N, C-alpha and C. Protein backbone atom coordinates (compact mmCIF):
# COMPACT_ATOMS: atom_id res chain seq x y z
N MET A 1 46.58 -131.30 30.82
CA MET A 1 47.28 -132.57 30.75
C MET A 1 46.58 -133.57 31.67
N ALA A 2 46.55 -134.83 31.24
CA ALA A 2 45.90 -135.89 31.98
C ALA A 2 46.64 -136.19 33.26
N GLY A 3 45.94 -136.71 34.24
CA GLY A 3 46.55 -137.12 35.50
C GLY A 3 47.37 -138.37 35.30
N LYS A 4 46.99 -139.41 36.00
CA LYS A 4 47.70 -140.68 35.89
C LYS A 4 47.28 -141.38 34.57
N VAL A 5 48.28 -141.90 33.87
CA VAL A 5 48.00 -142.60 32.62
C VAL A 5 48.72 -143.94 32.62
N MET A 6 48.23 -144.85 31.82
CA MET A 6 48.84 -146.17 31.70
C MET A 6 50.18 -146.02 30.97
N LYS A 7 51.14 -146.83 31.41
CA LYS A 7 52.43 -146.87 30.69
C LYS A 7 52.26 -147.74 29.45
N ALA A 8 52.87 -147.34 28.36
CA ALA A 8 52.75 -148.09 27.10
C ALA A 8 53.24 -149.54 27.28
N GLN A 9 54.26 -149.74 28.09
CA GLN A 9 54.81 -151.09 28.28
C GLN A 9 53.83 -152.01 28.96
N ASP A 10 52.76 -151.46 29.59
CA ASP A 10 51.79 -152.30 30.29
C ASP A 10 50.69 -152.83 29.36
N ALA A 11 50.68 -152.38 28.11
CA ALA A 11 49.78 -152.99 27.12
C ALA A 11 50.23 -154.44 26.92
N ILE A 12 49.30 -155.34 26.80
CA ILE A 12 49.62 -156.76 26.65
C ILE A 12 49.92 -157.09 25.19
N ASN A 13 51.09 -157.68 24.95
CA ASN A 13 51.46 -158.13 23.61
C ASN A 13 50.57 -159.30 23.22
N GLY A 14 49.82 -159.13 22.13
CA GLY A 14 48.86 -160.14 21.70
C GLY A 14 49.46 -161.47 21.29
N ALA A 15 50.73 -161.48 20.92
CA ALA A 15 51.39 -162.72 20.49
C ALA A 15 51.89 -163.55 21.66
N LEU A 16 51.99 -162.95 22.85
CA LEU A 16 52.55 -163.65 23.99
C LEU A 16 51.44 -164.31 24.81
N ALA A 17 50.85 -165.31 24.22
CA ALA A 17 49.76 -166.06 24.86
C ALA A 17 50.01 -167.55 24.66
N GLU A 18 49.32 -168.34 25.45
CA GLU A 18 49.35 -169.80 25.29
C GLU A 18 47.90 -170.27 25.29
N CYS A 19 47.65 -171.33 24.55
CA CYS A 19 46.33 -171.91 24.50
C CYS A 19 46.45 -173.44 24.52
N TYR A 20 45.80 -174.05 25.48
CA TYR A 20 45.78 -175.52 25.57
C TYR A 20 44.34 -175.99 25.47
N VAL A 21 44.17 -177.12 24.79
CA VAL A 21 42.86 -177.75 24.68
C VAL A 21 42.96 -179.14 25.28
N THR A 22 42.07 -179.46 26.19
CA THR A 22 42.03 -180.78 26.82
C THR A 22 40.79 -181.50 26.37
N ILE A 23 41.00 -182.63 25.69
CA ILE A 23 39.92 -183.48 25.18
C ILE A 23 40.09 -184.82 25.87
N GLY A 24 39.17 -185.16 26.76
CA GLY A 24 39.31 -186.39 27.53
C GLY A 24 40.57 -186.33 28.36
N THR A 25 41.47 -187.29 28.17
CA THR A 25 42.73 -187.31 28.92
C THR A 25 43.89 -186.72 28.12
N ASN A 26 43.63 -186.24 26.90
CA ASN A 26 44.68 -185.66 26.07
C ASN A 26 44.70 -184.14 26.17
N ARG A 27 45.88 -183.59 26.38
CA ARG A 27 46.06 -182.13 26.45
C ARG A 27 46.95 -181.71 25.29
N TYR A 28 46.44 -180.78 24.48
CA TYR A 28 47.15 -180.31 23.30
C TYR A 28 47.53 -178.84 23.41
N ASN A 29 48.73 -178.51 23.03
CA ASN A 29 49.15 -177.12 22.91
C ASN A 29 48.61 -176.62 21.59
N PHE A 30 47.61 -175.76 21.62
CA PHE A 30 47.00 -175.30 20.38
C PHE A 30 47.73 -174.05 19.87
N MET A 31 49.00 -174.26 19.53
CA MET A 31 49.85 -173.20 19.01
C MET A 31 49.43 -172.78 17.61
N GLN A 32 48.49 -173.50 16.98
CA GLN A 32 48.00 -173.15 15.66
C GLN A 32 47.14 -171.89 15.66
N LEU A 33 46.59 -171.53 16.81
CA LEU A 33 45.69 -170.39 16.84
C LEU A 33 46.41 -169.08 16.53
N ILE A 34 45.80 -168.33 15.65
CA ILE A 34 46.29 -166.99 15.28
C ILE A 34 45.60 -165.95 16.14
N LYS A 35 44.30 -166.18 16.39
CA LYS A 35 43.59 -165.31 17.29
C LYS A 35 42.44 -166.09 17.92
N PHE A 36 42.02 -165.63 19.11
CA PHE A 36 40.98 -166.31 19.88
C PHE A 36 40.27 -165.29 20.73
N GLU A 37 38.97 -165.45 20.87
CA GLU A 37 38.20 -164.57 21.74
C GLU A 37 37.04 -165.36 22.32
N ALA A 38 36.88 -165.28 23.65
CA ALA A 38 35.74 -165.89 24.32
C ALA A 38 34.91 -164.78 24.94
N LYS A 39 33.60 -164.89 24.79
CA LYS A 39 32.69 -163.84 25.26
C LYS A 39 31.54 -164.43 26.07
N VAL A 40 31.03 -163.61 26.95
CA VAL A 40 29.79 -163.93 27.65
C VAL A 40 28.75 -162.89 27.25
N ASP A 41 27.62 -163.37 26.77
CA ASP A 41 26.48 -162.51 26.46
C ASP A 41 25.42 -162.76 27.49
N LYS A 42 25.07 -161.71 28.23
CA LYS A 42 24.01 -161.82 29.23
C LYS A 42 22.66 -161.75 28.56
N THR A 43 21.72 -162.53 29.06
CA THR A 43 20.34 -162.41 28.61
C THR A 43 19.61 -161.61 29.69
N LYS A 44 18.70 -160.74 29.23
CA LYS A 44 17.99 -159.85 30.13
C LYS A 44 16.51 -159.82 29.80
N SER A 45 15.74 -159.53 30.82
CA SER A 45 14.33 -159.30 30.67
C SER A 45 14.02 -157.84 30.95
N GLU A 46 13.09 -157.29 30.18
CA GLU A 46 12.61 -155.95 30.51
C GLU A 46 11.59 -156.06 31.62
N VAL A 47 11.75 -155.16 32.60
CA VAL A 47 10.89 -155.18 33.79
C VAL A 47 10.09 -153.91 33.85
N PRO A 48 8.74 -154.01 33.72
CA PRO A 48 7.92 -152.80 33.87
C PRO A 48 7.95 -152.34 35.32
N ILE A 49 8.04 -151.03 35.50
CA ILE A 49 8.11 -150.48 36.86
C ILE A 49 7.04 -149.39 37.01
N LEU A 50 6.18 -149.57 37.99
CA LEU A 50 5.11 -148.60 38.26
C LEU A 50 5.71 -147.26 38.61
N GLY A 51 5.19 -146.22 38.02
CA GLY A 51 5.64 -144.85 38.29
C GLY A 51 6.84 -144.43 37.44
N LYS A 52 7.23 -145.26 36.50
CA LYS A 52 8.39 -144.94 35.64
C LYS A 52 7.95 -145.15 34.18
N THR A 53 8.31 -144.23 33.31
CA THR A 53 7.91 -144.35 31.91
C THR A 53 8.76 -145.36 31.14
N GLY A 54 9.94 -145.59 31.63
CA GLY A 54 10.81 -146.57 30.98
C GLY A 54 10.80 -147.89 31.76
N LYS A 55 11.35 -148.92 31.15
CA LYS A 55 11.43 -150.20 31.79
C LYS A 55 12.85 -150.42 32.33
N GLY A 56 12.94 -151.21 33.37
CA GLY A 56 14.24 -151.62 33.88
C GLY A 56 14.70 -152.88 33.16
N ASN A 57 15.91 -153.27 33.42
CA ASN A 57 16.49 -154.47 32.81
C ASN A 57 17.06 -155.36 33.91
N LYS A 58 16.66 -156.63 33.90
CA LYS A 58 17.12 -157.59 34.87
C LYS A 58 17.82 -158.75 34.16
N SER A 59 19.07 -158.99 34.55
CA SER A 59 19.80 -160.12 34.01
C SER A 59 19.17 -161.42 34.48
N ASN A 60 19.05 -162.39 33.57
CA ASN A 60 18.44 -163.67 33.95
C ASN A 60 19.16 -164.87 33.37
N GLY A 61 20.34 -164.67 32.82
CA GLY A 61 21.11 -165.81 32.29
C GLY A 61 22.26 -165.31 31.44
N TRP A 62 22.97 -166.28 30.83
CA TRP A 62 24.12 -165.92 29.99
C TRP A 62 24.39 -167.06 29.01
N LYS A 63 25.15 -166.74 27.99
CA LYS A 63 25.62 -167.73 27.03
C LYS A 63 27.09 -167.43 26.72
N GLY A 64 27.94 -168.44 26.80
CA GLY A 64 29.35 -168.29 26.52
C GLY A 64 29.67 -168.78 25.12
N THR A 65 30.37 -167.96 24.35
CA THR A 65 30.79 -168.34 22.99
C THR A 65 32.25 -168.06 22.77
N PHE A 66 32.88 -168.79 21.85
CA PHE A 66 34.25 -168.49 21.46
C PHE A 66 34.35 -168.50 19.96
N THR A 67 35.29 -167.70 19.45
CA THR A 67 35.61 -167.65 18.03
C THR A 67 37.13 -167.56 17.91
N GLY A 68 37.62 -167.97 16.78
CA GLY A 68 39.06 -167.86 16.55
C GLY A 68 39.41 -168.17 15.12
N THR A 69 40.65 -167.91 14.83
CA THR A 69 41.26 -168.27 13.53
C THR A 69 42.49 -169.09 13.81
N ALA A 70 42.66 -170.14 13.08
CA ALA A 70 43.80 -171.05 13.31
C ALA A 70 44.47 -171.38 11.98
N HIS A 71 45.75 -171.67 12.05
CA HIS A 71 46.42 -172.23 10.88
C HIS A 71 45.76 -173.56 10.57
N TYR A 72 45.61 -173.87 9.32
CA TYR A 72 44.99 -175.12 8.87
C TYR A 72 46.08 -176.21 8.83
N ASN A 73 46.42 -176.74 10.01
CA ASN A 73 47.50 -177.73 10.05
C ASN A 73 47.29 -178.77 11.17
N GLN A 74 46.07 -178.96 11.60
CA GLN A 74 45.79 -180.01 12.59
C GLN A 74 44.48 -180.67 12.24
N SER A 75 44.32 -181.94 12.64
CA SER A 75 43.11 -182.70 12.35
C SER A 75 42.31 -183.04 13.59
N ILE A 76 42.74 -182.58 14.74
CA ILE A 76 42.09 -182.94 16.00
C ILE A 76 40.64 -182.55 16.01
N MET A 77 40.33 -181.30 15.66
CA MET A 77 38.93 -180.85 15.69
C MET A 77 38.12 -181.48 14.56
N ARG A 78 38.73 -181.72 13.41
CA ARG A 78 38.04 -182.39 12.31
C ARG A 78 37.61 -183.80 12.72
N LYS A 79 38.44 -184.49 13.48
CA LYS A 79 38.11 -185.83 13.94
C LYS A 79 36.91 -185.79 14.87
N LEU A 80 36.80 -184.74 15.71
CA LEU A 80 35.64 -184.61 16.58
C LEU A 80 34.37 -184.44 15.76
N LEU A 81 34.47 -183.61 14.70
CA LEU A 81 33.29 -183.40 13.85
C LEU A 81 32.91 -184.66 13.11
N LEU A 82 33.89 -185.38 12.59
CA LEU A 82 33.60 -186.63 11.90
C LEU A 82 33.00 -187.68 12.81
N GLU A 83 33.49 -187.75 14.05
CA GLU A 83 32.90 -188.71 15.01
C GLU A 83 31.43 -188.36 15.28
N TYR A 84 31.14 -187.08 15.41
CA TYR A 84 29.75 -186.67 15.61
C TYR A 84 28.91 -187.02 14.38
N MET A 85 29.44 -186.78 13.19
CA MET A 85 28.69 -187.09 11.97
C MET A 85 28.37 -188.59 11.86
N LYS A 86 29.32 -189.42 12.23
CA LYS A 86 29.19 -190.88 12.06
C LYS A 86 28.44 -191.57 13.20
N THR A 87 28.60 -191.07 14.44
CA THR A 87 28.06 -191.79 15.59
C THR A 87 27.01 -190.99 16.38
N GLY A 88 26.97 -189.67 16.19
CA GLY A 88 26.12 -188.85 17.01
C GLY A 88 26.71 -188.51 18.36
N LEU A 89 27.93 -189.01 18.65
CA LEU A 89 28.60 -188.72 19.90
C LEU A 89 29.27 -187.36 19.81
N ASP A 90 28.80 -186.41 20.62
CA ASP A 90 29.31 -185.04 20.62
C ASP A 90 30.32 -184.94 21.72
N THR A 91 31.49 -184.40 21.44
CA THR A 91 32.58 -184.30 22.39
C THR A 91 32.68 -182.90 22.96
N TYR A 92 32.79 -182.82 24.28
CA TYR A 92 32.99 -181.56 24.98
C TYR A 92 34.42 -181.53 25.48
N PHE A 93 35.02 -180.34 25.56
CA PHE A 93 36.43 -180.22 25.92
C PHE A 93 36.65 -178.91 26.67
N ASP A 94 37.87 -178.74 27.17
CA ASP A 94 38.25 -177.54 27.89
C ASP A 94 39.26 -176.74 27.09
N ILE A 95 39.23 -175.44 27.23
CA ILE A 95 40.23 -174.54 26.62
C ILE A 95 40.82 -173.69 27.72
N GLN A 96 42.16 -173.63 27.77
CA GLN A 96 42.85 -172.77 28.73
C GLN A 96 43.65 -171.75 27.98
N VAL A 97 43.43 -170.45 28.27
CA VAL A 97 44.14 -169.36 27.62
C VAL A 97 44.90 -168.56 28.68
N THR A 98 46.20 -168.38 28.45
CA THR A 98 47.04 -167.58 29.33
C THR A 98 47.67 -166.44 28.54
N ASN A 99 47.49 -165.22 29.03
CA ASN A 99 48.18 -164.03 28.50
C ASN A 99 49.28 -163.71 29.53
N ASN A 100 50.52 -163.60 29.03
CA ASN A 100 51.64 -163.36 29.94
C ASN A 100 52.72 -162.59 29.22
N ASP A 101 52.68 -161.29 29.30
CA ASP A 101 53.68 -160.41 28.69
C ASP A 101 54.64 -159.98 29.81
N PRO A 102 55.87 -160.47 29.83
CA PRO A 102 56.79 -160.14 30.92
C PRO A 102 57.14 -158.65 30.97
N ALA A 103 56.91 -157.90 29.91
CA ALA A 103 57.20 -156.45 29.93
C ALA A 103 56.13 -155.65 30.62
N SER A 104 54.98 -156.26 30.84
CA SER A 104 53.84 -155.53 31.45
C SER A 104 53.76 -155.80 32.95
N ALA A 105 53.52 -154.75 33.69
CA ALA A 105 53.33 -154.87 35.14
C ALA A 105 52.00 -155.57 35.47
N ALA A 106 51.15 -155.77 34.47
CA ALA A 106 49.87 -156.45 34.70
C ALA A 106 50.05 -157.92 35.08
N GLY A 107 51.21 -158.49 34.71
CA GLY A 107 51.43 -159.90 35.04
C GLY A 107 50.71 -160.81 34.08
N LYS A 108 50.18 -161.93 34.58
CA LYS A 108 49.52 -162.87 33.71
C LYS A 108 48.09 -163.12 34.11
N GLN A 109 47.31 -163.53 33.12
CA GLN A 109 45.92 -163.94 33.37
C GLN A 109 45.71 -165.29 32.69
N THR A 110 45.09 -166.19 33.41
CA THR A 110 44.72 -167.50 32.86
C THR A 110 43.24 -167.73 33.06
N VAL A 111 42.53 -168.03 31.98
CA VAL A 111 41.10 -168.35 32.05
C VAL A 111 40.90 -169.74 31.48
N ILE A 112 40.12 -170.55 32.17
CA ILE A 112 39.82 -171.91 31.71
C ILE A 112 38.34 -171.99 31.40
N PHE A 113 38.03 -172.40 30.19
CA PHE A 113 36.67 -172.55 29.72
C PHE A 113 36.34 -174.02 29.68
N THR A 114 35.24 -174.42 30.33
CA THR A 114 34.87 -175.85 30.41
C THR A 114 33.58 -176.09 29.67
N GLY A 115 33.39 -177.34 29.28
CA GLY A 115 32.19 -177.70 28.52
C GLY A 115 32.16 -177.07 27.15
N CYS A 116 33.30 -176.93 26.52
CA CYS A 116 33.39 -176.33 25.21
C CYS A 116 32.86 -177.30 24.14
N ASN A 117 32.21 -176.77 23.14
CA ASN A 117 31.62 -177.59 22.09
C ASN A 117 31.65 -176.81 20.78
N LEU A 118 32.13 -177.47 19.72
CA LEU A 118 32.24 -176.82 18.40
C LEU A 118 30.88 -176.56 17.78
N ASP A 119 30.76 -175.43 17.08
CA ASP A 119 29.57 -175.15 16.28
C ASP A 119 29.59 -175.93 14.97
N GLY A 120 30.75 -176.22 14.48
CA GLY A 120 30.97 -176.92 13.21
C GLY A 120 32.42 -176.68 12.84
N GLY A 121 32.75 -176.82 11.57
CA GLY A 121 34.13 -176.56 11.19
C GLY A 121 34.42 -177.00 9.76
N THR A 122 35.64 -176.73 9.37
CA THR A 122 36.15 -177.03 8.03
C THR A 122 36.66 -178.48 8.00
N LEU A 123 36.20 -179.28 7.04
CA LEU A 123 36.71 -180.64 6.91
C LEU A 123 37.90 -180.71 5.95
N ALA A 124 37.89 -179.92 4.89
CA ALA A 124 39.01 -179.90 3.94
C ALA A 124 38.97 -178.58 3.18
N LYS A 125 40.15 -178.15 2.72
CA LYS A 125 40.19 -176.93 1.92
C LYS A 125 41.51 -176.83 1.19
N PHE A 126 41.55 -176.00 0.16
CA PHE A 126 42.80 -175.59 -0.46
C PHE A 126 42.58 -174.27 -1.16
N ASP A 127 43.70 -173.57 -1.43
CA ASP A 127 43.67 -172.29 -2.11
C ASP A 127 45.05 -172.12 -2.75
N VAL A 128 45.10 -172.28 -4.09
CA VAL A 128 46.39 -172.24 -4.77
C VAL A 128 47.07 -170.87 -4.69
N ASP A 129 46.32 -169.81 -4.40
CA ASP A 129 46.90 -168.48 -4.30
C ASP A 129 47.30 -168.09 -2.86
N ALA A 130 47.00 -168.91 -1.89
CA ALA A 130 47.23 -168.54 -0.50
C ALA A 130 48.71 -168.74 -0.12
N GLU A 131 49.22 -167.81 0.67
CA GLU A 131 50.56 -167.99 1.26
C GLU A 131 50.51 -169.06 2.32
N TYR A 132 49.41 -169.13 3.05
CA TYR A 132 49.20 -170.20 4.03
C TYR A 132 47.68 -170.37 4.19
N LEU A 133 47.27 -171.53 4.65
CA LEU A 133 45.85 -171.79 4.87
C LEU A 133 45.49 -171.58 6.35
N ASP A 134 44.33 -170.98 6.55
CA ASP A 134 43.82 -170.84 7.91
C ASP A 134 42.35 -171.26 7.89
N GLU A 135 41.77 -171.32 9.08
CA GLU A 135 40.37 -171.72 9.21
C GLU A 135 39.75 -171.03 10.41
N GLU A 136 38.46 -170.85 10.35
CA GLU A 136 37.73 -170.24 11.48
C GLU A 136 37.22 -171.36 12.38
N VAL A 137 37.25 -171.08 13.68
CA VAL A 137 36.68 -172.01 14.68
C VAL A 137 35.70 -171.23 15.54
N SER A 138 34.64 -171.90 15.97
CA SER A 138 33.68 -171.24 16.85
C SER A 138 32.94 -172.31 17.63
N GLY A 139 32.43 -171.89 18.79
CA GLY A 139 31.69 -172.82 19.61
C GLY A 139 31.14 -172.14 20.84
N THR A 140 30.69 -172.95 21.75
CA THR A 140 30.10 -172.47 23.00
C THR A 140 30.87 -173.08 24.17
N PHE A 141 30.70 -172.47 25.35
CA PHE A 141 31.25 -173.06 26.56
C PHE A 141 30.18 -172.97 27.65
N GLU A 142 30.26 -173.90 28.62
CA GLU A 142 29.28 -174.00 29.67
C GLU A 142 29.66 -173.27 30.95
N ASP A 143 30.99 -173.09 31.17
CA ASP A 143 31.44 -172.45 32.39
C ASP A 143 32.87 -171.93 32.18
N ALA A 144 33.31 -171.07 33.10
CA ALA A 144 34.68 -170.53 33.02
C ALA A 144 35.13 -170.18 34.41
N ARG A 145 36.45 -170.23 34.59
CA ARG A 145 37.04 -169.78 35.85
C ARG A 145 38.37 -169.11 35.56
N MET A 146 38.73 -168.18 36.43
CA MET A 146 39.99 -167.45 36.26
C MET A 146 40.99 -167.99 37.25
N LYS A 147 41.99 -168.68 36.72
CA LYS A 147 43.05 -169.27 37.54
C LYS A 147 44.04 -168.19 38.02
N ASP A 148 44.41 -167.31 37.13
CA ASP A 148 45.31 -166.19 37.42
C ASP A 148 44.65 -164.93 36.89
N SER A 149 44.83 -163.82 37.62
CA SER A 149 44.22 -162.57 37.14
C SER A 149 45.30 -161.50 37.04
N PHE A 150 45.10 -160.56 36.13
CA PHE A 150 46.00 -159.43 35.98
C PHE A 150 46.07 -158.65 37.28
N LYS A 151 47.22 -158.05 37.56
CA LYS A 151 47.38 -157.18 38.70
C LYS A 151 46.73 -155.83 38.41
N VAL A 152 46.35 -155.15 39.47
CA VAL A 152 45.85 -153.78 39.34
C VAL A 152 47.06 -152.88 39.06
N LEU A 153 47.05 -152.21 37.93
CA LEU A 153 48.19 -151.38 37.56
C LEU A 153 48.28 -150.12 38.41
N SER A 154 49.50 -149.63 38.57
CA SER A 154 49.73 -148.41 39.32
C SER A 154 48.92 -147.28 38.70
N GLY A 155 48.20 -146.55 39.54
CA GLY A 155 47.37 -145.46 39.02
C GLY A 155 45.93 -145.81 38.83
N MET A 156 45.58 -147.10 38.88
CA MET A 156 44.17 -147.48 38.68
C MET A 156 43.34 -147.20 39.93
N LYS A 157 43.95 -147.27 41.10
CA LYS A 157 43.21 -147.01 42.36
C LYS A 157 43.40 -145.59 42.77
């Protein structure tokens, strides 16, 4: 039998999250999002090492990306894309994501992504067979910070 194990109640409920997008001086509750994920991909160089048949790996940078799926019921991001198409002015914005499941002893985590920029997006769509319309969103971010972090669960130390 296993030693210490996580309690099931400490798993984070995926629906109990908040997402806010700040564009200029406007802050929007992006409750349209169905799912969201932000990732950091490290870039590495292979390093030859004398006396070793294999090479080492040295981190030398990173790239932040985000992806998500949203209900197709807002025009805020479409307006940013249209402004870029018409004027060449590209808009950067911030995204704040908070996970907070009161049933979990982990508490809450808030991460703020700054310098976010869309890769592109949907301008219009329809589907006569769809129960509801959704759309994919993706982009990059320049920096991130953790405002709140999950607690160390009992048994982790």
